[in-house]
Amino acid sequence: MGRFLIASPHSFCDSTIVNRHCDTHAFDASNDIVENLKGHMVVYHPNVSDLRSSGDYNRPETDGAPWREKLKQHASELKPDFMIEVHSFPGDHPQYMNIWNDADLVVFESKYNKKFLHRLVKSLKRSNENIVIHIGRPWHPVSITDDMGSHKHVKRHTLFEFNENRNIDQRKKIAAAVAEAVLDIVENTDIPCMKNIITIASIVIVLILIIFIALDVSSCLFQTRFPVYTYHPGEGLRKPYSI
């Protein structure tokens, strides 16, 4: 059973506010992911009370804020195999159209996921070959990524951006692919490591046996070429039998 920590720092929306002020698909997409991780240990930590304008939880300005400190506490208690950070973006906005080419899902690359990022993307494509995925890089300091990626109890961390121009069915399929992909990473990443450990242990055992046999043979040769004389009272030195 895997352990997963899911966070959506910009998921609190106020319907009375006209201007964009939240990630409109983040809360629902996160819950869709949770639904697809049934049977596993999951902690979901959404932002349900604070507007983004009052303090962006993914910027240095909110370092030490209660919501972020609670997220760290969840990480320390759960010790997750994977942390999933969920955001969403307006796909029809020129800025995002320009950098992400109307992708269904953007997966952020960081120094904390480079080792498995391309395996993750391949797994996403296997789960849903119709998903258009873009590997993006933050263009500003992303504090949660840094906090959680370097957290001693978080094994793996990746930030996902869902395109808000997708309907509910499309969003659910993308969320299912995300859940399946992170499960694949968690369940299969450690297998090659175990194989390597077994291989190394086998090599060490073989080397020990070779050394032991070599020492034994050299001991026999030494005794044959240079027989050991032993002293016996009344008889003097006695030469041992040798071939």
Protein backbone atom coordinates (compact mmCIF):
# COMPACT_ATOMS: atom_id res chain seq x y z
CA MET A 1 0.00 0.00 0.00
CA GLY A 2 1.43 3.35 -1.08
CA ARG A 3 1.39 6.58 0.91
CA PHE A 4 0.44 9.76 -0.95
CA LEU A 5 0.28 13.41 0.06
CA ILE A 6 -1.77 15.68 -2.21
CA ALA A 7 -1.81 19.48 -1.97
CA SER A 8 -3.70 22.18 -3.87
CA PRO A 9 -2.43 25.54 -2.61
CA HIS A 10 -4.67 27.72 -4.82
CA SER A 11 -7.90 25.72 -4.64
CA PHE A 12 -10.01 28.20 -2.63
CA CYS A 13 -12.34 30.09 -4.97
CA ASP A 14 -14.97 32.76 -4.27
CA SER A 15 -17.82 32.85 -6.80
CA THR A 16 -18.48 36.55 -6.10
CA ILE A 17 -15.07 37.58 -7.42
CA VAL A 18 -14.99 38.25 -11.17
CA ASN A 19 -11.25 38.42 -11.77
CA ARG A 20 -9.18 35.26 -11.75
CA HIS A 21 -8.06 34.59 -8.20
CA CYS A 22 -7.71 30.79 -7.87
CA ASP A 23 -6.99 27.54 -9.73
CA THR A 24 -10.54 26.69 -10.69
CA HIS A 25 -9.93 22.99 -11.44
CA ALA A 26 -7.41 22.21 -8.71
CA PHE A 27 -9.84 21.13 -5.99
CA ASP A 28 -11.92 18.85 -8.24
CA ALA A 29 -8.86 17.43 -10.01
CA SER A 30 -7.29 16.62 -6.63
CA ASN A 31 -10.41 14.82 -5.50
CA ASP A 32 -10.47 12.88 -8.77
CA ILE A 33 -6.90 11.75 -8.07
CA VAL A 34 -7.85 10.75 -4.52
CA GLU A 35 -10.73 8.70 -5.92
CA ASN A 36 -8.29 6.78 -8.11
CA LEU A 37 -5.97 6.05 -5.18
CA LYS A 38 -8.52 4.13 -3.14
CA GLY A 39 -6.92 1.33 -1.18
CA HIS A 40 -3.84 3.43 -0.50
CA MET A 41 -3.03 5.80 2.33
CA VAL A 42 -3.82 9.30 1.10
CA VAL A 43 -3.75 12.67 2.87
CA TYR A 44 -5.28 15.54 0.91
CA HIS A 45 -4.37 19.05 2.09
CA PRO A 46 -6.34 21.64 0.09
CA ASN A 47 -6.53 25.36 0.62
CA VAL A 48 -10.17 25.89 1.59
CA SER A 49 -10.16 29.31 3.22
CA ASP A 50 -7.54 31.73 1.90
CA LEU A 51 -7.66 33.77 -1.29
CA ARG A 52 -4.55 33.74 -3.43
CA SER A 53 -4.48 37.55 -3.28
CA SER A 54 -4.02 37.43 0.49
CA GLY A 55 -0.81 35.44 0.12
CA ASP A 56 0.35 33.05 -2.57
CA TYR A 57 1.12 29.73 -0.91
CA ASN A 58 3.61 28.87 -3.63
CA ARG A 59 5.83 31.93 -3.18
CA PRO A 60 8.50 32.85 -0.65
CA GLU A 61 6.17 35.50 0.82
CA THR A 62 4.21 32.78 2.65
CA ASP A 63 7.14 30.89 4.12
CA GLY A 64 6.08 29.87 7.61
CA ALA A 65 2.33 30.42 6.97
CA PRO A 66 0.04 28.03 8.94
CA TRP A 67 -1.21 26.23 5.81
CA ARG A 68 2.33 25.48 4.67
CA GLU A 69 3.47 24.47 8.14
CA LYS A 70 0.53 22.04 8.31
CA LEU A 71 1.63 20.59 4.97
CA LYS A 72 5.09 19.95 6.40
CA GLN A 73 3.49 18.31 9.43
CA HIS A 74 1.50 15.99 7.16
CA ALA A 75 4.72 15.08 5.35
CA SER A 76 6.54 14.32 8.60
CA GLU A 77 3.71 12.13 9.91
CA LEU A 78 2.78 10.35 6.67
CA LYS A 79 6.29 9.98 5.18
CA PRO A 80 4.74 9.82 1.69
CA ASP A 81 6.10 7.75 -1.15
CA PHE A 82 4.94 10.52 -3.49
CA MET A 83 3.67 14.07 -3.05
CA ILE A 84 1.32 15.33 -5.75
CA GLU A 85 1.00 19.10 -6.03
CA VAL A 86 -2.08 20.10 -8.07
CA HIS A 87 -2.63 23.38 -9.90
CA SER A 88 -4.66 24.45 -12.93
CA PHE A 89 -4.24 27.13 -15.58
CA PRO A 90 -6.51 29.00 -18.06
CA GLY A 91 -5.67 27.20 -21.28
CA ASP A 92 -7.08 29.97 -23.49
CA HIS A 93 -4.83 32.64 -22.02
CA PRO A 94 -2.24 33.83 -24.60
CA GLN A 95 0.62 33.50 -22.12
CA TYR A 96 -0.08 29.82 -21.48
CA MET A 97 -0.95 29.11 -25.10
CA ASN A 98 2.47 30.47 -25.99
CA ILE A 99 4.54 28.48 -23.50
CA TRP A 100 2.50 25.26 -23.12
CA ASN A 101 0.81 24.95 -26.54
CA ASP A 102 -2.66 24.13 -25.22
CA ALA A 103 -1.43 21.05 -23.35
CA ASP A 104 -3.94 18.99 -21.37
CA LEU A 105 -1.48 18.59 -18.54
CA VAL A 106 1.81 20.29 -17.66
CA VAL A 107 4.31 18.41 -15.52
CA PHE A 108 6.92 20.61 -13.89
CA GLU A 109 10.53 19.52 -13.96
CA SER A 110 12.63 20.23 -10.89
CA LYS A 111 15.87 19.02 -9.41
CA TYR A 112 13.75 16.80 -7.18
CA ASN A 113 12.13 14.72 -9.94
CA LYS A 114 14.73 14.61 -12.73
CA LYS A 115 15.59 10.98 -12.00
CA PHE A 116 12.09 9.71 -12.71
CA LEU A 117 10.37 12.51 -14.66
CA HIS A 118 10.60 10.93 -18.12
CA ARG A 119 9.45 7.56 -16.74
CA LEU A 120 6.50 9.39 -15.19
CA VAL A 121 5.57 11.05 -18.50
CA LYS A 122 5.84 7.72 -20.35
CA SER A 123 3.58 6.15 -17.76
CA LEU A 124 1.06 8.97 -18.20
CA LYS A 125 1.01 8.34 -21.95
CA ARG A 126 0.52 4.61 -21.42
CA SER A 127 -2.39 5.33 -19.10
CA ASN A 128 -4.05 7.67 -21.58
CA GLU A 129 -2.43 7.98 -25.00
CA ASN A 130 -4.69 10.92 -25.89
CA ILE A 131 -3.24 13.22 -23.23
CA VAL A 132 -1.13 16.09 -24.57
CA ILE A 133 1.64 16.55 -22.00
CA HIS A 134 4.12 19.38 -21.74
CA ILE A 135 7.17 19.29 -19.48
CA GLY A 136 7.47 22.77 -18.03
CA ARG A 137 9.87 24.62 -15.78
CA PRO A 138 8.92 27.24 -13.19
CA TRP A 139 9.73 30.79 -14.20
CA HIS A 140 9.64 32.01 -10.60
CA PRO A 141 10.60 30.63 -7.16
CA VAL A 142 8.20 27.79 -6.31
CA SER A 143 8.49 27.50 -2.58
CA ILE A 144 6.32 24.45 -1.96
CA THR A 145 8.28 22.51 -4.54
CA ASP A 146 11.49 23.46 -2.77
CA ASP A 147 10.05 22.79 0.69
CA MET A 148 8.58 19.42 -0.10
CA GLY A 149 11.13 18.26 -2.66
CA SER A 150 13.88 18.69 -0.10
CA HIS A 151 11.80 17.43 2.84
CA LYS A 152 13.59 14.47 4.42
CA HIS A 153 10.37 12.44 4.59
CA VAL A 154 9.15 13.09 1.02
CA LYS A 155 10.60 10.52 -1.39
CA ARG A 156 9.24 12.02 -4.61
CA HIS A 157 7.50 15.28 -5.49
CA THR A 158 5.97 16.56 -8.72
CA LEU A 159 3.82 19.56 -9.59
CA PHE A 160 0.95 19.03 -12.08
CA GLU A 161 -0.97 21.77 -13.91
CA PHE A 162 -4.42 20.84 -15.31
CA ASN A 163 -5.82 22.76 -18.27
CA GLU A 164 -9.06 24.47 -17.19
CA ASN A 165 -10.42 24.38 -20.76
CA ARG A 166 -11.18 20.66 -20.46
CA ASN A 167 -14.60 19.29 -19.55
CA ILE A 168 -15.35 17.14 -16.50
CA ASP A 169 -14.92 13.81 -18.31
CA GLN A 170 -11.57 14.88 -19.74
CA ARG A 171 -10.40 16.13 -16.35
CA LYS A 172 -11.36 12.85 -14.70
CA LYS A 173 -9.47 10.83 -17.32
CA ILE A 174 -6.36 12.98 -16.87
CA ALA A 175 -6.61 12.65 -13.08
CA ALA A 176 -6.93 8.87 -13.42
CA ALA A 177 -3.79 8.84 -15.59
CA VAL A 178 -1.91 10.90 -12.98
CA ALA A 179 -2.92 8.48 -10.22
CA GLU A 180 -1.90 5.46 -12.29
CA ALA A 181 1.42 7.04 -13.26
CA VAL A 182 2.48 7.95 -9.72
CA LEU A 183 1.47 4.47 -8.56
CA ASP A 184 3.64 2.99 -11.29
CA ILE A 185 6.60 5.10 -10.15
CA VAL A 186 6.12 4.14 -6.50
CA GLU A 187 5.61 0.43 -7.14
CA ASN A 188 8.36 -0.05 -9.70
CA THR A 189 11.11 2.45 -8.88
CA ASP A 190 12.44 0.39 -5.98
CA ILE A 191 12.49 -2.90 -7.92
CA PRO A 192 15.60 -2.06 -10.00
CA CYS A 193 17.31 -0.92 -6.79
CA MET A 194 16.57 -4.27 -5.16
CA LYS A 195 17.88 -6.09 -8.24
CA ASN A 196 21.08 -4.05 -8.04
CA ILE A 197 21.49 -4.89 -4.36
CA ILE A 198 21.01 -8.62 -5.06
CA THR A 199 23.49 -8.45 -7.96
CA ILE A 200 26.12 -6.67 -5.88
CA ALA A 201 25.63 -9.10 -2.99
CA SER A 202 26.03 -12.06 -5.36
CA ILE A 203 29.24 -10.61 -6.80
CA VAL A 204 30.65 -10.06 -3.30
CA ILE A 205 29.83 -13.65 -2.28
CA VAL A 206 31.48 -15.03 -5.44
CA LEU A 207 34.58 -12.90 -4.84
CA ILE A 208 34.81 -14.15 -1.24
CA LEU A 209 34.56 -17.75 -2.44
CA ILE A 210 37.25 -17.15 -5.08
CA ILE A 211 39.57 -15.59 -2.50
CA PHE A 212 38.91 -18.44 -0.04
CA ILE A 213 39.65 -21.09 -2.70
CA ALA A 214 42.75 -19.21 -3.86
CA LEU A 215 44.09 -19.01 -0.31
CA ASP A 216 43.38 -22.68 0.26
CA VAL A 217 45.18 -23.69 -2.95
CA SER A 218 48.14 -21.42 -2.22
CA SER A 219 48.38 -22.91 1.27
CA CYS A 220 48.58 -26.42 -0.20
CA LEU A 221 51.23 -25.33 -2.71
CA PHE A 222 53.24 -23.65 -0.01
CA GLN A 223 53.22 -26.77 2.12
CA THR A 224 54.22 -28.92 -0.89
CA ARG A 225 57.10 -26.74 -1.99
CA PHE A 226 58.27 -25.78 1.47
CA PRO A 227 57.47 -28.65 3.87
CA VAL A 228 57.24 -27.72 7.51
CA TYR A 229 59.61 -29.55 9.86
CA THR A 230 58.31 -30.41 13.31
CA TYR A 231 60.35 -31.24 16.41
CA HIS A 232 59.63 -34.45 18.34
CA PRO A 233 61.46 -35.16 21.64
CA GLY A 234 63.97 -37.97 21.25
CA GLU A 235 63.59 -38.00 17.49
CA GLY A 236 64.70 -34.55 16.50
CA LEU A 237 63.20 -32.84 13.46
CA ARG A 238 60.73 -34.88 11.52
CA LYS A 239 59.97 -33.99 7.91
CA PRO A 240 56.24 -34.26 7.15
CA TYR A 241 55.03 -36.36 4.29
CA SER A 242 54.72 -34.31 1.13
CA ILE A 243 53.86 -35.01 -2.44
